[in-house]
Amino acid sequence: MIPGETIQLGAPTSCPECGVRVELDVYFSAAGYYIGTYCGCGPYSRESGYYASEQAAHIAMVAGGYERKAGYLPA
């Protein structure tokens, strides 16, 4: 990852283009569920790897035990 690409690595917590303050939540994409942020412009950051279920992603978000790894799909 590039420094500043995620909130954990220094990305601003407000979108520089639309000004919306971003909050962590669980989202879904074709690759699976992930912890990330959205702003008024659309997807802002992906903070975690992909999870096979929404429940697994929520558990990781609440526990704080997540990080972004390429190709990682925990159960």
C-alpha atoms as a PDB file:
ATOM      1  CA  MET A   1       0.000   0.000   0.000  1.00  0.00           C
ATOM      2  CA  ILE A   2       0.981   3.579  -0.549  1.00  0.00           C
ATOM      3  CA  PRO A   3       1.505   5.754   2.563  1.00  0.00           C
ATOM      4  CA  GLY A   4      -1.719   7.675   3.138  1.00  0.00           C
ATOM      5  CA  GLU A   5      -3.821   5.198   1.134  1.00  0.00           C
ATOM      6  CA  THR A   6      -5.801   4.126   4.214  1.00  0.00           C
ATOM      7  CA  ILE A   7      -6.945   5.968   7.333  1.00  0.00           C
ATOM      8  CA  GLN A   8      -4.528   3.778   9.336  1.00  0.00           C
ATOM      9  CA  LEU A   9      -1.658   4.992   7.133  1.00  0.00           C
ATOM     10  CA  GLY A  10      -2.510   8.684   7.243  1.00  0.00           C
ATOM     11  CA  ALA A  11      -5.330   9.367   4.766  1.00  0.00           C
ATOM     12  CA  PRO A  12      -7.417  12.356   5.880  1.00  0.00           C
ATOM     13  CA  THR A  13     -10.604  11.485   7.804  1.00  0.00           C
ATOM     14  CA  SER A  14     -12.536  13.980   5.662  1.00  0.00           C
ATOM     15  CA  CYS A  15     -12.715  13.761   1.879  1.00  0.00           C
ATOM     16  CA  PRO A  16     -10.695  16.625   0.381  1.00  0.00           C
ATOM     17  CA  GLU A  17     -13.133  16.849  -2.564  1.00  0.00           C
ATOM     18  CA  CYS A  18     -16.600  16.782  -0.925  1.00  0.00           C
ATOM     19  CA  GLY A  19     -15.676  17.503   2.712  1.00  0.00           C
ATOM     20  CA  VAL A  20     -17.618  14.559   4.188  1.00  0.00           C
ATOM     21  CA  ARG A  21     -16.100  13.123   7.375  1.00  0.00           C
ATOM     22  CA  VAL A  22     -15.682   9.386   6.743  1.00  0.00           C
ATOM     23  CA  GLU A  23     -16.561   6.648   9.233  1.00  0.00           C
ATOM     24  CA  LEU A  24     -15.533   2.986   9.230  1.00  0.00           C
ATOM     25  CA  ASP A  25     -18.229   0.518   8.246  1.00  0.00           C
ATOM     26  CA  VAL A  26     -18.613  -2.824   6.461  1.00  0.00           C
ATOM     27  CA  TYR A  27     -19.176  -2.722   2.697  1.00  0.00           C
ATOM     28  CA  PHE A  28     -19.593  -5.306  -0.048  1.00  0.00           C
ATOM     29  CA  SER A  29     -17.882  -5.618  -3.408  1.00  0.00           C
ATOM     30  CA  ALA A  30     -17.524  -8.399  -5.959  1.00  0.00           C
ATOM     31  CA  ALA A  31     -14.439  -9.577  -4.007  1.00  0.00           C
ATOM     32  CA  GLY A  32     -16.303  -9.885  -0.684  1.00  0.00           C
ATOM     33  CA  TYR A  33     -17.023  -7.867   2.441  1.00  0.00           C
ATOM     34  CA  TYR A  34     -14.482  -5.334   3.662  1.00  0.00           C
ATOM     35  CA  ILE A  35     -13.991  -2.629   6.268  1.00  0.00           C
ATOM     36  CA  GLY A  36     -13.723   0.767   4.684  1.00  0.00           C
ATOM     37  CA  THR A  37     -15.146   4.237   4.270  1.00  0.00           C
ATOM     38  CA  TYR A  38     -17.431   6.102   1.856  1.00  0.00           C
ATOM     39  CA  CYS A  39     -17.893   9.808   1.257  1.00  0.00           C
ATOM     40  CA  GLY A  40     -20.185  11.860  -0.958  1.00  0.00           C
ATOM     41  CA  CYS A  41     -17.966  10.981  -3.940  1.00  0.00           C
ATOM     42  CA  GLY A  42     -18.253   7.197  -3.433  1.00  0.00           C
ATOM     43  CA  PRO A  43     -15.775   4.662  -1.998  1.00  0.00           C
ATOM     44  CA  TYR A  44     -13.035   6.497  -0.104  1.00  0.00           C
ATOM     45  CA  SER A  45     -10.795   3.817   1.427  1.00  0.00           C
ATOM     46  CA  ARG A  46     -10.549   0.065   1.949  1.00  0.00           C
ATOM     47  CA  GLU A  47      -9.008  -0.490   5.373  1.00  0.00           C
ATOM     48  CA  SER A  48      -9.066  -4.287   5.499  1.00  0.00           C
ATOM     49  CA  GLY A  49      -8.719  -7.346   3.393  1.00  0.00           C
ATOM     50  CA  TYR A  50     -11.828  -9.135   2.156  1.00  0.00           C
ATOM     51  CA  TYR A  51     -14.034 -11.319   4.332  1.00  0.00           C
ATOM     52  CA  ALA A  52     -16.258 -14.186   3.211  1.00  0.00           C
ATOM     53  CA  SER A  53     -19.194 -12.981   5.332  1.00  0.00           C
ATOM     54  CA  GLU A  54     -20.606  -9.698   6.576  1.00  0.00           C
ATOM     55  CA  GLN A  55     -20.588 -11.085  10.123  1.00  0.00           C
ATOM     56  CA  ALA A  56     -16.855 -11.871   9.984  1.00  0.00           C
ATOM     57  CA  ALA A  57     -16.124  -8.334   8.776  1.00  0.00           C
ATOM     58  CA  HIS A  58     -18.257  -6.796  11.567  1.00  0.00           C
ATOM     59  CA  ILE A  59     -16.519  -8.927  14.197  1.00  0.00           C
ATOM     60  CA  ALA A  60     -13.098  -7.830  12.911  1.00  0.00           C
ATOM     61  CA  MET A  61     -14.169  -4.161  12.846  1.00  0.00           C
ATOM     62  CA  VAL A  62     -15.468  -4.245  16.432  1.00  0.00           C
ATOM     63  CA  ALA A  63     -12.410  -6.151  17.677  1.00  0.00           C
ATOM     64  CA  GLY A  64     -10.006  -3.918  15.751  1.00  0.00           C
ATOM     65  CA  GLY A  65      -8.177  -7.009  14.509  1.00  0.00           C
ATOM     66  CA  TYR A  66      -8.005  -6.242  10.824  1.00  0.00           C
ATOM     67  CA  GLU A  67      -5.434  -5.028   8.366  1.00  0.00           C
ATOM     68  CA  ARG A  68      -5.234  -4.847   4.632  1.00  0.00           C
ATOM     69  CA  LYS A  69      -3.505  -7.786   2.946  1.00  0.00           C
ATOM     70  CA  ALA A  70      -3.613  -8.602  -0.739  1.00  0.00           C
ATOM     71  CA  GLY A  71      -5.571 -11.742  -1.588  1.00  0.00           C
ATOM     72  CA  TYR A  72      -6.658 -12.462   1.996  1.00  0.00           C
ATOM     73  CA  LEU A  73     -10.147 -13.975   2.436  1.00  0.00           C
ATOM     74  CA  PRO A  74     -10.671 -15.151   6.046  1.00  0.00           C
ATOM     75  CA  ALA A  75     -13.671 -17.330   6.917  1.00  0.00           C
END
